[in-house]
C-alpha atoms as a PDB file:
ATOM      1  CA  MET A   1     -17.307 -15.898 -13.721  1.00  0.00           C
ATOM      2  CA  PRO A   2     -17.864 -19.613 -13.044  1.00  0.00           C
ATOM      3  CA  PRO A   3     -18.971 -20.213  -8.984  1.00  0.00           C
ATOM      4  CA  ASN A   4     -16.063 -22.018  -8.049  1.00  0.00           C
ATOM      5  CA  GLN A   5     -14.115 -19.241  -9.261  1.00  0.00           C
ATOM      6  CA  ALA A   6     -15.760 -16.580  -7.412  1.00  0.00           C
ATOM      7  CA  ALA A   7     -15.782 -19.218  -4.308  1.00  0.00           C
ATOM      8  CA  LYS A   8     -11.610 -18.952  -4.871  1.00  0.00           C
ATOM      9  CA  LEU A   9     -12.370 -15.353  -5.285  1.00  0.00           C
ATOM     10  CA  TYR A  10     -14.704 -13.950  -2.963  1.00  0.00           C
ATOM     11  CA  THR A  11     -12.846 -15.654   0.461  1.00  0.00           C
ATOM     12  CA  PRO A  12     -14.439 -15.435   3.818  1.00  0.00           C
ATOM     13  CA  ASP A  13     -11.482 -13.061   4.818  1.00  0.00           C
ATOM     14  CA  LEU A  14     -11.874 -10.980   1.424  1.00  0.00           C
ATOM     15  CA  LEU A  15     -15.482 -10.548   2.483  1.00  0.00           C
ATOM     16  CA  SER A  16     -15.153  -9.836   6.282  1.00  0.00           C
ATOM     17  CA  LEU A  17     -12.600  -6.930   5.038  1.00  0.00           C
ATOM     18  CA  ALA A  18     -15.111  -5.001   3.239  1.00  0.00           C
ATOM     19  CA  THR A  19     -16.978  -5.024   5.984  1.00  0.00           C
ATOM     20  CA  GLU A  20     -14.417  -2.975   8.216  1.00  0.00           C
ATOM     21  CA  LEU A  21     -15.636  -0.096   5.803  1.00  0.00           C
ATOM     22  CA  ALA A  22     -17.830   1.132   8.181  1.00  0.00           C
ATOM     23  CA  GLN A  23     -14.826   2.369  10.890  1.00  0.00           C
ATOM     24  CA  TYR A  24     -13.571   4.591   7.828  1.00  0.00           C
ATOM     25  CA  SER A  25     -16.491   7.175   7.643  1.00  0.00           C
ATOM     26  CA  LEU A  26     -16.544   9.827   4.942  1.00  0.00           C
ATOM     27  CA  SER A  27     -18.554  12.461   6.810  1.00  0.00           C
ATOM     28  CA  GLY A  28     -17.593  15.941   7.988  1.00  0.00           C
ATOM     29  CA  ASN A  29     -15.537  18.206   6.746  1.00  0.00           C
ATOM     30  CA  TRP A  30     -11.723  17.092   5.527  1.00  0.00           C
ATOM     31  CA  ASP A  31      -8.256  18.763   4.962  1.00  0.00           C
ATOM     32  CA  LEU A  32      -8.024  16.772   1.486  1.00  0.00           C
ATOM     33  CA  LEU A  33     -11.185  14.832  -0.780  1.00  0.00           C
ATOM     34  CA  THR A  34     -10.476  13.247  -3.805  1.00  0.00           C
ATOM     35  CA  GLU A  35     -12.030  10.906  -6.235  1.00  0.00           C
ATOM     36  CA  VAL A  36     -10.632   7.864  -8.217  1.00  0.00           C
ATOM     37  CA  ARG A  37     -12.632   5.529 -10.598  1.00  0.00           C
ATOM     38  CA  SER A  38     -11.392   2.348 -12.221  1.00  0.00           C
ATOM     39  CA  ARG A  39     -11.285   2.301 -15.928  1.00  0.00           C
ATOM     40  CA  THR A  40     -11.173  -1.164 -15.783  1.00  0.00           C
ATOM     41  CA  CYS A  41     -14.341  -2.251 -13.916  1.00  0.00           C
ATOM     42  CA  GLY A  42     -15.847   1.594 -12.746  1.00  0.00           C
ATOM     43  CA  GLY A  43     -15.341   0.930  -8.996  1.00  0.00           C
ATOM     44  CA  MET A  44     -15.187   4.448  -7.386  1.00  0.00           C
ATOM     45  CA  LEU A  45     -13.673   5.394  -4.148  1.00  0.00           C
ATOM     46  CA  ARG A  46     -13.577   9.029  -2.297  1.00  0.00           C
ATOM     47  CA  LEU A  47     -11.130   9.422   0.235  1.00  0.00           C
ATOM     48  CA  GLY A  48     -11.095  11.941   2.964  1.00  0.00           C
ATOM     49  CA  ILE A  49      -7.546  12.991   4.717  1.00  0.00           C
ATOM     50  CA  ASP A  50      -6.751  14.692   7.761  1.00  0.00           C
ATOM     51  CA  LEU A  51      -2.941  15.461   7.619  1.00  0.00           C
ATOM     52  CA  ASP A  52      -0.868  15.104  10.522  1.00  0.00           C
ATOM     53  CA  SER A  53       1.720  17.628  11.614  1.00  0.00           C
ATOM     54  CA  GLY A  54       4.208  16.285   8.928  1.00  0.00           C
ATOM     55  CA  ASP A  55       1.539  16.472   6.012  1.00  0.00           C
ATOM     56  CA  ALA A  56       1.109  12.266   5.689  1.00  0.00           C
ATOM     57  CA  ILE A  57      -1.962  11.045   6.802  1.00  0.00           C
ATOM     58  CA  GLY A  58      -3.353  11.102  10.209  1.00  0.00           C
ATOM     59  CA  ARG A  59      -6.945  10.066   9.902  1.00  0.00           C
ATOM     60  CA  LEU A  60      -9.109   8.949   6.895  1.00  0.00           C
ATOM     61  CA  GLY A  61     -12.499   8.485   5.735  1.00  0.00           C
ATOM     62  CA  LEU A  62     -14.003   6.475   2.431  1.00  0.00           C
ATOM     63  CA  SER A  63     -16.598   5.683   0.170  1.00  0.00           C
ATOM     64  CA  VAL A  64     -15.910   2.534  -1.649  1.00  0.00           C
ATOM     65  CA  SER A  65     -18.345   2.196  -4.747  1.00  0.00           C
ATOM     66  CA  ALA A  66     -16.651  -0.957  -5.799  1.00  0.00           C
ATOM     67  CA  CYS A  67     -16.577  -5.059  -6.151  1.00  0.00           C
ATOM     68  CA  ALA A  68     -15.728  -6.673  -2.729  1.00  0.00           C
ATOM     69  CA  VAL A  69     -12.188  -7.213  -3.846  1.00  0.00           C
ATOM     70  CA  GLY A  70     -12.079  -3.127  -4.061  1.00  0.00           C
ATOM     71  CA  GLN A  71     -13.691  -2.914  -0.698  1.00  0.00           C
ATOM     72  CA  ALA A  72     -11.575  -4.897   0.985  1.00  0.00           C
ATOM     73  CA  ALA A  73      -8.432  -3.464  -1.054  1.00  0.00           C
ATOM     74  CA  ALA A  74     -10.052  -0.206   0.209  1.00  0.00           C
ATOM     75  CA  ALA A  75      -9.833  -1.518   4.027  1.00  0.00           C
ATOM     76  CA  ILE A  76      -6.447  -2.861   3.964  1.00  0.00           C
ATOM     77  CA  PHE A  77      -5.315   0.464   2.420  1.00  0.00           C
ATOM     78  CA  ALA A  78      -6.763   2.190   6.262  1.00  0.00           C
ATOM     79  CA  ARG A  79      -5.979   0.141   8.258  1.00  0.00           C
ATOM     80  CA  SER A  80      -2.455   0.416   7.618  1.00  0.00           C
ATOM     81  CA  ALA A  81      -2.436   4.221   5.972  1.00  0.00           C
ATOM     82  CA  ALA A  82      -1.540   6.235   9.075  1.00  0.00           C
ATOM     83  CA  GLY A  83       1.631   8.369   8.688  1.00  0.00           C
ATOM     84  CA  LEU A  84       1.492   7.460   4.986  1.00  0.00           C
ATOM     85  CA  ASN A  85       3.101  10.599   2.911  1.00  0.00           C
ATOM     86  CA  LEU A  86       3.385  11.016  -0.793  1.00  0.00           C
ATOM     87  CA  GLU A  87       6.703   9.255  -1.827  1.00  0.00           C
ATOM     88  CA  ALA A  88       5.684   6.213   0.131  1.00  0.00           C
ATOM     89  CA  ALA A  89       2.124   6.116  -1.261  1.00  0.00           C
ATOM     90  CA  THR A  90       3.916   5.964  -4.869  1.00  0.00           C
ATOM     91  CA  VAL A  91       6.221   3.504  -3.502  1.00  0.00           C
ATOM     92  CA  SER A  92       3.673   1.452  -2.471  1.00  0.00           C
ATOM     93  CA  LEU A  93       1.736   1.592  -5.589  1.00  0.00           C
ATOM     94  CA  ASN A  94       4.413   0.752  -7.399  1.00  0.00           C
ATOM     95  CA  ALA A  95       5.006  -2.267  -5.690  1.00  0.00           C
ATOM     96  CA  ILE A  96       1.439  -3.448  -5.773  1.00  0.00           C
ATOM     97  CA  GLU A  97       1.016  -2.479  -8.922  1.00  0.00           C
ATOM     98  CA  ARG A  98       4.244  -4.684 -10.033  1.00  0.00           C
ATOM     99  CA  TRP A  99       3.458  -7.638  -7.792  1.00  0.00           C
ATOM    100  CA  LEU A 100      -0.124  -7.903  -9.833  1.00  0.00           C
ATOM    101  CA  GLN A 101       1.675  -7.453 -12.709  1.00  0.00           C
ATOM    102  CA  GLU A 102       3.633 -11.070 -11.610  1.00  0.00           C
ATOM    103  CA  LYS A 103       6.426  -9.091 -11.816  1.00  0.00           C
ATOM    104  CA  ALA A 104       7.758  -9.131  -8.189  1.00  0.00           C
ATOM    105  CA  ASP A 105       6.929 -10.552  -5.091  1.00  0.00           C
ATOM    106  CA  LEU A 106       4.065  -9.666  -2.011  1.00  0.00           C
ATOM    107  CA  PRO A 107       4.235  -6.188  -1.591  1.00  0.00           C
ATOM    108  CA  ASP A 108       5.300  -5.017   2.178  1.00  0.00           C
ATOM    109  CA  TRP A 109       1.589  -3.559   3.250  1.00  0.00           C
ATOM    110  CA  PRO A 110      -0.080  -5.489   6.299  1.00  0.00           C
ATOM    111  CA  ALA A 111      -2.679  -7.735   5.384  1.00  0.00           C
ATOM    112  CA  ILE A 112      -2.168  -7.343   1.280  1.00  0.00           C
ATOM    113  CA  GLN A 113      -2.083 -11.343   1.220  1.00  0.00           C
ATOM    114  CA  ALA A 114      -5.640 -11.380   1.825  1.00  0.00           C
ATOM    115  CA  LEU A 115      -5.799  -9.955  -2.219  1.00  0.00           C
ATOM    116  CA  SER A 116      -3.913 -12.722  -3.459  1.00  0.00           C
ATOM    117  CA  PRO A 117      -7.047 -15.137  -5.030  1.00  0.00           C
ATOM    118  CA  ALA A 118      -7.440 -11.608  -7.295  1.00  0.00           C
ATOM    119  CA  ARG A 119      -3.966 -11.225  -8.637  1.00  0.00           C
ATOM    120  CA  GLU A 120      -5.210 -13.853 -11.547  1.00  0.00           C
ATOM    121  CA  HIS A 121      -7.916 -11.720 -12.127  1.00  0.00           C
ATOM    122  CA  THR A 122      -6.864  -8.838 -14.166  1.00  0.00           C
ATOM    123  CA  GLY A 123     -10.259  -7.249 -14.480  1.00  0.00           C
ATOM    124  CA  ARG A 124     -10.314  -6.444 -10.661  1.00  0.00           C
ATOM    125  CA  HIS A 125      -6.463  -4.976 -10.557  1.00  0.00           C
ATOM    126  CA  GLY A 126      -7.746  -1.644 -11.232  1.00  0.00           C
ATOM    127  CA  ALA A 127     -10.332  -1.555  -7.895  1.00  0.00           C
ATOM    128  CA  ILE A 128      -7.274  -2.922  -6.159  1.00  0.00           C
ATOM    129  CA  VAL A 129      -5.229  -0.185  -6.187  1.00  0.00           C
ATOM    130  CA  LEU A 130      -7.891   2.682  -6.184  1.00  0.00           C
ATOM    131  CA  PRO A 131      -6.963   3.768  -2.518  1.00  0.00           C
ATOM    132  CA  TRP A 132      -3.216   3.565  -3.378  1.00  0.00           C
ATOM    133  CA  LYS A 133      -4.129   6.427  -6.054  1.00  0.00           C
ATOM    134  CA  ALA A 134      -6.662   8.470  -4.383  1.00  0.00           C
ATOM    135  CA  SER A 135      -3.970   8.826  -2.134  1.00  0.00           C
ATOM    136  CA  ILE A 136      -1.497   9.939  -4.163  1.00  0.00           C
ATOM    137  CA  GLN A 137      -4.010  12.441  -6.143  1.00  0.00           C
ATOM    138  CA  ALA A 138      -4.841  13.952  -2.329  1.00  0.00           C
ATOM    139  CA  LEU A 139      -1.483  14.312  -1.048  1.00  0.00           C
ATOM    140  CA  SER A 140      -0.135  15.536  -4.714  1.00  0.00           C
ATOM    141  CA  LYS A 141      -3.136  18.306  -4.375  1.00  0.00           C
ATOM    142  CA  GLU A 142      -1.246  19.344  -0.424  1.00  0.00           C
ATOM    143  CA  ARG A 143       2.045  19.585  -2.067  1.00  0.00           C
ATOM    144  CA  ASP A 144       0.824  21.616  -5.060  1.00  0.00           C
ATOM    145  CA  THR A 145      -0.580  24.029  -2.646  1.00  0.00           C
ATOM    146  CA  ARG A 146       2.395  25.103  -1.064  1.00  0.00           C
END
């Protein structure tokens, strides 16, 4: 990636989001634990979830091995994931994927606009959707165990 493209992609806002991940430690025991990997970039995300009384995300922890875009996406997800259930996670993932494919407007997820510079970089799309895919995978496991 040429330096000027990298500067447009790795904005100060995006880079500061990536540093927020320290607030979401994965240490300890979790009700649900899952790992997902992007086939396009190799980014990896581990997600631990403690469920609330409604089988939605009550608390979470993350371990992310991805580019700054993937890290920022994980932080954006973590900020607003409390209360997210399987259906809402699926709707959100679908909206984000449609937006990335330029088939829909900006999804209704707080701070998602910080990822707008990455929209034209299709190689980053896999990293962007990792946290939503992980939440769906984990919450699906919970549903399957009932």
